[in-house]
């Protein structure tokens, strides 16, 4: 699965995709890797860009780590740190955790796999399961929705489709305007279209469309906190798809609760619900939930937003004062640079303390050729608190398999902002 996204409200979200990493239920993916002298920690580079990687165990010295085919490993007992500089996008990824929590450390370094653009010319059927396509229905291929305007055939141009042979599923959705603050998009039809690896233009006729009915749909419920708006979309994940299949979406805003439907498909796969709630135009908060629904009715309880005083900066030291998270991420622009002045974006992941505040000191790693700016100008930042983190490591990958998607359960609260100078406290 390349990414998860939203449709119907014009928002496409890349499945965090450069977010954070973790293992199922907080345990290292792929087994503990324990040996007689410690635990094996695996570092994985996503993408084929130029990178340099260092690690250290506890408060020991930093050591270079050589990657082979994008992978490297070292042995640790207890706490460890990893630092990876990607030169293609001038990004520095810093990671700190314990082996009891995480044994997999991915970092992203483009370029990754390249997709292709495909033009679909689609002739819709006169009806699917007794439902006639009508103006303002959504015709969706993966993350690309087009609004039907009574023009048959219609064209849908899809970007970044996987460059291999496989299938896409075209889905038809009917919006139901419950109110200006609640709109479920109910799926009512779909069609499987097979592509060869070199296809860039595909004709889709009006035959062999299948219907979603009451027998193969489930409830999809959403509640929005006061002052927030957003959507929940359910996707079907299967290894032979060239893109995810959106099979139901509900939009809501401001203290609104609404229930719609999502469809079940007649093949084995995993149903992933992706919820995102954004604050008002003046807010910089986002609340996210990504969960395996198990093909059942699904509703969501979003996490609490960040509040005043829950994050602070004091020179090179970060303090996270919320205690409901298993881990935190922090992304900064304007806080670090190469020694010759090239700006670096910082991506930080730190395991939360078991009790009390979590404190992290940004290291300067010998051999990675960078420094922190002592009195920075404008610093842009983004924080994420990982309240639940089951299988989040796989959301860093460019292609998520069915088995990797199974059991995903992520709950995250994000806050973006800016500050000046070397001291800052979240207002």
Protein backbone atom coordinates (compact mmCIF):
# COMPACT_ATOMS: atom_id res chain seq x y z
CA UNK A 1 0.00 0.00 0.00
CA UNK A 2 1.62 3.24 -1.08
CA UNK A 3 -0.39 5.58 1.07
CA UNK A 4 -3.68 6.19 2.79
CA UNK A 5 -5.74 9.21 1.91
CA UNK A 6 -9.02 11.10 1.99
CA UNK A 7 -11.33 11.86 -0.87
CA UNK A 8 -14.55 13.80 -1.39
CA UNK A 9 -13.25 16.86 0.44
CA UNK A 10 -10.17 17.40 -1.69
CA UNK A 11 -7.65 16.29 0.94
CA UNK A 12 -5.05 13.64 0.13
CA UNK A 13 -2.95 12.47 3.02
CA UNK A 14 0.14 10.38 2.49
CA UNK A 15 -0.13 7.56 5.16
CA UNK A 16 1.88 9.49 7.53
CA UNK A 17 4.01 8.17 5.27
CA UNK A 18 7.01 9.66 6.59
CA UNK A 19 5.93 9.36 10.11
CA UNK A 20 7.37 7.13 12.75
CA UNK A 21 8.11 3.58 13.45
CA UNK A 22 7.14 0.97 15.96
CA UNK A 23 6.33 -2.69 16.27
CA UNK A 24 3.23 -4.67 17.06
CA UNK A 25 2.01 -3.89 20.56
CA UNK A 26 5.32 -2.14 21.27
CA UNK A 27 7.40 -5.27 20.63
CA UNK A 28 10.08 -5.47 17.97
CA UNK A 29 8.72 -6.71 14.65
CA UNK A 30 10.09 -9.94 13.29
CA UNK A 31 10.90 -11.44 16.70
CA UNK A 32 13.04 -10.26 19.58
CA UNK A 33 16.37 -11.00 17.91
CA UNK A 34 17.84 -11.74 21.33
CA UNK A 35 21.17 -13.43 21.55
CA UNK A 36 23.50 -14.26 24.38
CA UNK A 37 25.03 -10.75 24.50
CA UNK A 38 22.06 -8.56 23.73
CA UNK A 39 19.31 -7.85 21.24
CA UNK A 40 19.69 -7.32 17.49
CA UNK A 41 18.44 -3.94 16.29
CA UNK A 42 17.78 -3.67 12.55
CA UNK A 43 18.07 -0.36 10.67
CA UNK A 44 16.22 -0.18 7.35
CA UNK A 45 16.52 2.54 4.73
CA UNK A 46 13.36 3.17 2.71
CA UNK A 47 14.41 4.55 -0.67
CA UNK A 48 17.68 4.41 -2.57
CA UNK A 49 19.12 7.83 -1.77
CA UNK A 50 22.63 8.52 -0.46
CA UNK A 51 22.83 8.19 3.34
CA UNK A 52 25.24 7.96 6.29
CA UNK A 53 24.21 6.10 9.47
CA UNK A 54 25.63 6.04 13.02
CA UNK A 55 24.46 4.35 16.23
CA UNK A 56 25.35 4.11 19.88
CA UNK A 57 24.30 1.92 22.79
CA UNK A 58 23.48 3.64 26.08
CA UNK A 59 25.85 6.57 26.58
CA UNK A 60 28.63 4.89 24.62
CA UNK A 61 30.50 6.26 21.63
CA UNK A 62 28.85 6.76 18.26
CA UNK A 63 29.84 4.16 15.68
CA UNK A 64 29.28 4.09 11.90
CA UNK A 65 26.82 1.50 10.59
CA UNK A 66 27.27 0.11 7.08
CA UNK A 67 24.07 -0.73 5.21
CA UNK A 68 23.86 -3.56 2.69
CA UNK A 69 20.86 -3.52 0.35
CA UNK A 70 19.40 -0.83 2.57
CA UNK A 71 19.78 -2.76 5.84
CA UNK A 72 22.18 -2.84 8.76
CA UNK A 73 22.15 -4.28 12.27
CA UNK A 74 23.86 -3.94 15.63
CA UNK A 75 23.48 -5.48 19.07
CA UNK A 76 22.20 -3.52 22.05
CA UNK A 77 21.09 -4.05 25.62
CA UNK A 78 18.65 -1.50 26.97
CA UNK A 79 18.68 1.99 25.45
CA UNK A 80 20.18 2.83 22.06
CA UNK A 81 20.22 5.68 19.52
CA UNK A 82 20.42 5.84 15.72
CA UNK A 83 21.29 8.87 13.57
CA UNK A 84 20.86 8.80 9.78
CA UNK A 85 21.62 11.67 7.39
CA UNK A 86 19.95 11.54 3.97
CA UNK A 87 21.76 13.75 1.49
CA UNK A 88 19.11 13.63 -1.24
CA UNK A 89 16.69 15.74 0.80
CA UNK A 90 19.05 17.12 3.49
CA UNK A 91 17.26 15.33 6.31
CA UNK A 92 18.67 14.10 9.61
CA UNK A 93 16.68 11.34 11.34
CA UNK A 94 17.37 10.79 15.06
CA UNK A 95 15.95 7.89 17.03
CA UNK A 96 16.12 6.91 20.71
CA UNK A 97 14.42 3.91 22.31
CA UNK A 98 15.03 0.73 24.30
CA UNK A 99 15.28 -2.79 22.94
CA UNK A 100 12.28 -3.86 25.01
CA UNK A 101 10.17 -1.40 23.01
CA UNK A 102 11.62 -1.33 19.51
CA UNK A 103 14.09 -3.38 17.50
CA UNK A 104 13.25 -1.99 14.02
CA UNK A 105 14.45 1.47 12.95
CA UNK A 106 13.39 2.54 9.45
CA UNK A 107 14.23 5.92 7.98
CA UNK A 108 13.20 7.44 4.65
CA UNK A 109 15.73 8.51 2.05
CA UNK A 110 14.33 9.13 -1.47
CA UNK A 111 14.29 8.40 -4.30
CA UNK A 112 12.00 5.43 -3.80
CA UNK A 113 10.08 3.34 -6.32
CA UNK A 114 8.63 5.41 -9.14
CA UNK A 115 5.09 4.95 -10.33
CA UNK A 116 3.37 5.69 -13.62
CA UNK A 117 0.50 7.82 -14.83
CA UNK A 118 -2.50 6.01 -16.28
CA UNK A 119 -5.46 7.55 -18.10
CA UNK A 120 -8.74 5.68 -17.57
CA UNK A 121 -11.63 6.32 -19.97
CA UNK A 122 -14.66 4.94 -18.14
CA UNK A 123 -18.14 4.19 -19.45
CA UNK A 124 -20.45 3.88 -16.47
CA UNK A 125 -23.32 1.35 -16.55
CA UNK A 126 -26.94 2.48 -16.71
CA UNK A 127 -27.36 1.07 -13.18
CA UNK A 128 -25.55 -1.05 -10.60
CA UNK A 129 -27.76 -3.16 -8.35
CA UNK A 130 -30.70 -0.96 -9.27
CA UNK A 131 -28.84 2.29 -8.49
CA UNK A 132 -28.40 4.65 -11.43
CA UNK A 133 -25.26 6.82 -11.52
CA UNK A 134 -26.17 10.46 -11.08
CA UNK A 135 -24.47 13.83 -11.12
CA UNK A 136 -22.12 14.47 -8.15
CA UNK A 137 -21.45 10.78 -7.53
CA UNK A 138 -17.77 10.04 -6.97
CA UNK A 139 -15.90 7.73 -9.33
CA UNK A 140 -12.74 6.75 -7.47
CA UNK A 141 -9.58 4.88 -8.39
CA UNK A 142 -7.31 4.55 -5.39
CA UNK A 143 -6.58 8.06 -4.13
CA UNK A 144 -7.97 9.75 -7.22
CA UNK A 145 -11.63 10.80 -7.07
CA UNK A 146 -13.51 12.40 -9.93
CA UNK A 147 -17.02 13.83 -9.69
CA UNK A 148 -19.44 12.40 -12.23
CA UNK A 149 -21.19 15.18 -14.20
CA UNK A 150 -23.50 13.14 -16.46
CA UNK A 151 -20.75 12.82 -19.07
CA UNK A 152 -20.33 9.24 -20.23
CA UNK A 153 -17.60 8.15 -20.84
CA UNK A 154 -15.60 10.14 -18.30
CA UNK A 155 -11.85 10.38 -17.78
CA UNK A 156 -9.88 9.76 -14.60
CA UNK A 157 -6.12 10.43 -14.64
CA UNK A 158 -4.26 8.49 -11.94
CA UNK A 159 -0.73 9.47 -10.90
CA UNK A 160 1.93 7.29 -9.27
CA UNK A 161 0.22 3.97 -9.93
CA UNK A 162 2.54 1.05 -9.29
CA UNK A 163 4.56 0.11 -12.38
CA UNK A 164 3.75 -3.60 -12.46
CA UNK A 165 0.99 -5.86 -13.68
CA UNK A 166 -2.00 -6.03 -11.35
CA UNK A 167 -5.50 -4.78 -10.74
CA UNK A 168 -7.27 -1.59 -9.77
CA UNK A 169 -10.82 -1.46 -8.48
CA UNK A 170 -13.01 1.44 -9.56
CA UNK A 171 -15.58 2.33 -6.91
CA UNK A 172 -18.78 4.39 -7.17
CA UNK A 173 -19.97 6.47 -4.19
CA UNK A 174 -23.20 8.38 -3.56
CA UNK A 175 -23.03 11.44 -1.26
CA UNK A 176 -25.90 11.85 1.19
CA UNK A 177 -26.22 15.43 2.37
CA UNK A 178 -27.46 14.97 5.93
CA UNK A 179 -26.54 18.56 6.79
CA UNK A 180 -23.83 21.08 5.93
CA UNK A 181 -21.72 19.49 8.68
CA UNK A 182 -22.29 15.78 7.95
CA UNK A 183 -21.92 13.98 4.62
CA UNK A 184 -21.52 10.19 4.28
CA UNK A 185 -20.35 8.87 0.89
CA UNK A 186 -21.96 5.44 0.53
CA UNK A 187 -20.42 2.93 -1.93
CA UNK A 188 -22.86 1.33 -4.33
CA UNK A 189 -20.77 -0.26 -7.09
CA UNK A 190 -17.32 -1.42 -8.14
CA UNK A 191 -15.45 -2.98 -11.04
CA UNK A 192 -12.14 -4.84 -11.25
CA UNK A 193 -9.82 -3.65 -14.04
CA UNK A 194 -6.62 -5.55 -14.87
CA UNK A 195 -3.51 -3.72 -16.11
CA UNK A 196 -0.27 -4.87 -17.67
CA UNK A 197 2.99 -3.37 -16.44
CA UNK A 198 3.29 -1.01 -19.43
CA UNK A 199 -0.35 0.16 -19.66
CA UNK A 200 -0.72 3.94 -19.54
CA UNK A 201 -4.17 4.27 -21.17
CA UNK A 202 -7.10 2.00 -20.33
CA UNK A 203 -10.64 1.78 -21.71
CA UNK A 204 -13.24 0.61 -19.18
CA UNK A 205 -16.60 -0.47 -20.57
CA UNK A 206 -20.00 -0.64 -18.88
CA UNK A 207 -20.03 -4.42 -18.32
CA UNK A 208 -19.29 -6.53 -15.22
CA UNK A 209 -19.94 -3.92 -12.55
CA UNK A 210 -20.80 -5.37 -9.14
CA UNK A 211 -23.04 -3.88 -6.47
CA UNK A 212 -22.59 -3.10 -2.79
CA UNK A 213 -25.85 -3.94 -1.03
CA UNK A 214 -27.10 -4.04 2.54
CA UNK A 215 -25.78 -7.61 2.74
CA UNK A 216 -22.18 -6.57 2.09
CA UNK A 217 -21.90 -3.24 3.88
CA UNK A 218 -20.99 -2.27 7.43
CA UNK A 219 -21.59 0.83 9.54
CA UNK A 220 -18.93 3.53 9.61
CA UNK A 221 -19.37 6.08 12.39
CA UNK A 222 -17.52 9.29 13.08
CA UNK A 223 -17.56 11.88 15.84
CA UNK A 224 -15.82 15.23 15.63
CA UNK A 225 -14.55 17.13 18.68
CA UNK A 226 -15.77 20.69 19.00
CA UNK A 227 -13.96 22.96 16.56
CA UNK A 228 -12.66 20.11 14.39
CA UNK A 229 -13.61 18.83 10.92
CA UNK A 230 -12.46 15.82 8.96
CA UNK A 231 -13.24 12.39 7.57
CA UNK A 232 -12.91 8.69 8.10
CA UNK A 233 -12.24 6.53 5.04
CA UNK A 234 -12.06 2.74 4.90
CA UNK A 235 -9.65 1.06 2.46
CA UNK A 236 -9.31 -2.55 1.38
CA UNK A 237 -5.70 -3.79 1.33
CA UNK A 238 -4.70 -6.74 -0.83
CA UNK A 239 -1.30 -7.61 -2.28
CA UNK A 240 -2.28 -7.74 -5.95
CA UNK A 241 -3.83 -4.23 -5.98
CA UNK A 242 -1.93 -1.41 -7.68
CA UNK A 243 -3.49 1.10 -5.27
CA UNK A 244 -5.71 1.05 -2.20
CA UNK A 245 -9.46 0.72 -2.61
CA UNK A 246 -11.59 3.36 -0.84
CA UNK A 247 -14.89 1.68 0.00
CA UNK A 248 -16.62 4.23 2.21
CA UNK A 249 -16.14 7.73 3.60
CA UNK A 250 -17.91 9.93 6.13
CA UNK A 251 -17.26 13.67 6.53
CA UNK A 252 -18.21 15.68 9.60
CA UNK A 253 -17.37 18.93 11.34
CA UNK A 254 -17.80 20.56 14.72
CA UNK A 255 -19.23 18.34 17.52
CA UNK A 256 -21.08 16.25 14.93
CA UNK A 257 -21.69 12.50 14.98
CA UNK A 258 -22.81 10.71 11.83
CA UNK A 259 -22.95 7.12 10.57
CA UNK A 260 -22.46 5.98 6.97
CA UNK A 261 -21.55 2.72 5.27
CA UNK A 262 -18.48 0.99 3.91
CA UNK A 263 -18.51 -1.96 1.54
CA UNK A 264 -17.13 -5.49 1.87
CA UNK A 265 -15.41 -7.11 -1.10
CA UNK A 266 -15.61 -10.83 -1.95
CA UNK A 267 -11.85 -11.42 -1.58
CA UNK A 268 -9.55 -11.90 1.34
CA UNK A 269 -7.94 -8.66 2.49
CA UNK A 270 -7.63 -6.19 5.34
CA UNK A 271 -10.04 -3.30 5.97
CA UNK A 272 -8.15 -0.24 7.22
CA UNK A 273 -10.06 2.78 8.57
CA UNK A 274 -8.22 6.11 8.44
CA UNK A 275 -9.61 8.95 10.56
CA UNK A 276 -8.21 12.47 10.52
CA UNK A 277 -9.67 15.49 12.27
CA UNK A 278 -8.22 18.96 11.74
CA UNK A 279 -8.81 22.03 13.84
CA UNK A 280 -10.39 25.23 12.61
CA UNK A 281 -8.56 27.48 10.15
CA UNK A 282 -6.71 29.14 13.04
CA UNK A 283 -5.81 25.81 14.69
CA UNK A 284 -2.69 23.76 14.03
CA UNK A 285 -3.98 20.53 15.62
CA UNK A 286 -4.70 17.21 13.89
CA UNK A 287 -6.03 14.01 15.44
CA UNK A 288 -5.45 10.71 13.62
CA UNK A 289 -6.57 7.10 14.01
CA UNK A 290 -5.58 4.23 11.67
CA UNK A 291 -7.11 0.89 12.54
CA UNK A 292 -7.86 -2.58 11.17
CA UNK A 293 -11.66 -2.82 11.36
CA UNK A 294 -11.73 -6.60 10.96
CA UNK A 295 -14.55 -6.10 8.44
CA UNK A 296 -16.91 -5.10 11.25
CA UNK A 297 -18.92 -1.99 12.15
CA UNK A 298 -16.42 0.71 13.14
CA UNK A 299 -16.45 3.88 15.16
CA UNK A 300 -13.66 5.96 16.59
CA UNK A 301 -12.73 7.86 19.73
CA UNK A 302 -10.08 10.46 18.85
CA UNK A 303 -7.22 11.34 21.22
CA UNK A 304 -6.96 14.57 23.17
CA UNK A 305 -5.21 17.46 21.39
CA UNK A 306 -1.96 18.99 22.67
CA UNK A 307 -2.45 21.62 25.35
CA UNK A 308 -0.46 24.53 26.74
CA UNK A 309 2.85 23.61 28.38
CA UNK A 310 2.99 20.04 27.07
CA UNK A 311 6.11 20.72 24.98
CA UNK A 312 9.11 22.98 25.52
CA UNK A 313 12.54 23.71 24.04
CA UNK A 314 15.58 24.81 26.02
CA UNK A 315 18.57 25.01 23.70
CA UNK A 316 19.27 21.43 22.61
CA UNK A 317 16.84 19.86 25.12
CA UNK A 318 13.23 18.94 24.33
CA UNK A 319 10.65 18.18 27.02
CA UNK A 320 7.35 16.41 26.34
CA UNK A 321 4.98 16.85 29.28
CA UNK A 322 2.01 14.71 28.21
CA UNK A 323 1.96 11.27 29.80
CA UNK A 324 -0.58 9.44 27.63
CA UNK A 325 1.85 8.58 24.82
CA UNK A 326 4.12 5.62 24.12
CA UNK A 327 6.44 7.73 21.97
CA UNK A 328 6.85 11.19 20.46
CA UNK A 329 8.06 12.53 17.15
CA UNK A 330 9.29 16.05 16.50
CA UNK A 331 10.17 17.53 13.11
CA UNK A 332 12.09 20.81 12.87
CA UNK A 333 13.16 23.13 10.06
CA UNK A 334 15.56 25.94 10.95
CA UNK A 335 17.19 24.27 13.96
CA UNK A 336 20.17 22.46 12.37
CA UNK A 337 22.53 22.80 9.41
CA UNK A 338 25.57 21.23 7.81
CA UNK A 339 28.86 22.75 8.90
CA UNK A 340 29.07 24.59 5.57
CA UNK A 341 25.64 26.11 6.08
CA UNK A 342 23.24 23.80 4.20
CA UNK A 343 19.96 23.64 6.18
CA UNK A 344 18.95 20.26 7.59
CA UNK A 345 15.47 19.10 8.48
CA UNK A 346 15.41 17.20 11.78
CA UNK A 347 13.16 14.16 12.25
CA UNK A 348 13.24 12.95 15.87
CA UNK A 349 11.66 9.86 17.41
CA UNK A 350 11.93 9.28 21.16
CA UNK A 351 10.35 6.62 23.35
CA UNK A 352 8.21 8.09 26.12
CA UNK A 353 9.36 7.84 29.71
CA UNK A 354 7.43 5.32 31.80
CA UNK A 355 6.56 7.96 34.37
CA UNK A 356 6.61 11.73 34.29
CA UNK A 357 7.93 13.99 31.54
CA UNK A 358 10.01 12.75 28.61
CA UNK A 359 13.27 14.66 28.09
CA UNK A 360 15.42 14.35 24.97
CA UNK A 361 18.73 16.04 24.26
CA UNK A 362 19.47 16.47 20.56
CA UNK A 363 22.91 14.96 19.94
CA UNK A 364 25.61 16.25 17.61
CA UNK A 365 27.03 13.04 16.14
CA UNK A 366 30.69 13.06 15.11
CA UNK A 367 31.00 11.97 11.50
CA UNK A 368 27.61 13.27 10.34
CA UNK A 369 28.87 16.83 9.68
CA UNK A 370 26.15 19.00 11.19
CA UNK A 371 25.59 21.42 14.03
CA UNK A 372 22.66 22.89 15.91
CA UNK A 373 22.00 26.60 15.43
CA UNK A 374 22.64 28.22 18.84
CA UNK A 375 20.23 31.15 18.43
CA UNK A 376 17.92 30.18 15.57
CA UNK A 377 15.61 32.50 13.72
CA UNK A 378 12.22 31.18 12.67
CA UNK A 379 11.87 27.48 13.54
CA UNK A 380 8.97 25.46 12.10
CA UNK A 381 8.00 22.34 14.04
CA UNK A 382 5.53 19.48 14.04
CA UNK A 383 4.87 17.25 17.06
CA UNK A 384 3.14 13.88 17.22
CA UNK A 385 2.18 11.98 20.35
CA UNK A 386 1.71 8.26 19.65
CA UNK A 387 -1.03 7.14 22.01
CA UNK A 388 -1.29 3.69 20.41
CA UNK A 389 1.32 2.44 17.97
CA UNK A 390 0.65 -1.12 16.86
CA UNK A 391 2.35 -1.82 13.47
CA UNK A 392 3.18 1.84 12.86
CA UNK A 393 6.63 0.89 11.56
CA UNK A 394 5.09 -0.38 8.32
CA UNK A 395 3.60 3.00 7.47
CA UNK A 396 7.11 4.11 6.55
CA UNK A 397 7.23 1.60 3.73
CA UNK A 398 6.47 2.29 0.09
CA UNK A 399 4.35 -0.85 -0.29
CA UNK A 400 2.31 -2.24 2.58
CA UNK A 401 1.36 -5.90 2.32
CA UNK A 402 -1.85 -7.45 3.56
CA UNK A 403 -0.09 -9.14 6.45
CA UNK A 404 1.67 -5.92 7.49
CA UNK A 405 -1.67 -4.09 7.50
CA UNK A 406 -3.39 -6.72 9.60
CA UNK A 407 -3.84 -5.55 13.18
CA UNK A 408 -2.77 -1.94 12.61
CA UNK A 409 -3.93 0.25 15.51
CA UNK A 410 -2.52 3.79 15.60
CA UNK A 411 -3.75 6.79 17.56
CA UNK A 412 -1.86 10.07 17.18
CA UNK A 413 -2.23 13.72 18.12
CA UNK A 414 -0.31 16.34 16.10
CA UNK A 415 0.48 20.01 16.69
CA UNK A 416 2.33 22.31 14.28
CA UNK A 417 3.81 25.69 15.08
CA UNK A 418 6.70 28.14 14.89
CA UNK A 419 8.97 29.89 17.36
CA UNK A 420 12.01 32.21 17.51
CA UNK A 421 15.21 31.76 19.47
CA UNK A 422 16.51 28.92 21.65
CA UNK A 423 13.68 28.78 24.24
CA UNK A 424 10.04 27.97 23.65
CA UNK A 425 7.01 26.60 25.51
CA UNK A 426 3.85 25.44 23.79
CA UNK A 427 1.21 28.15 24.38
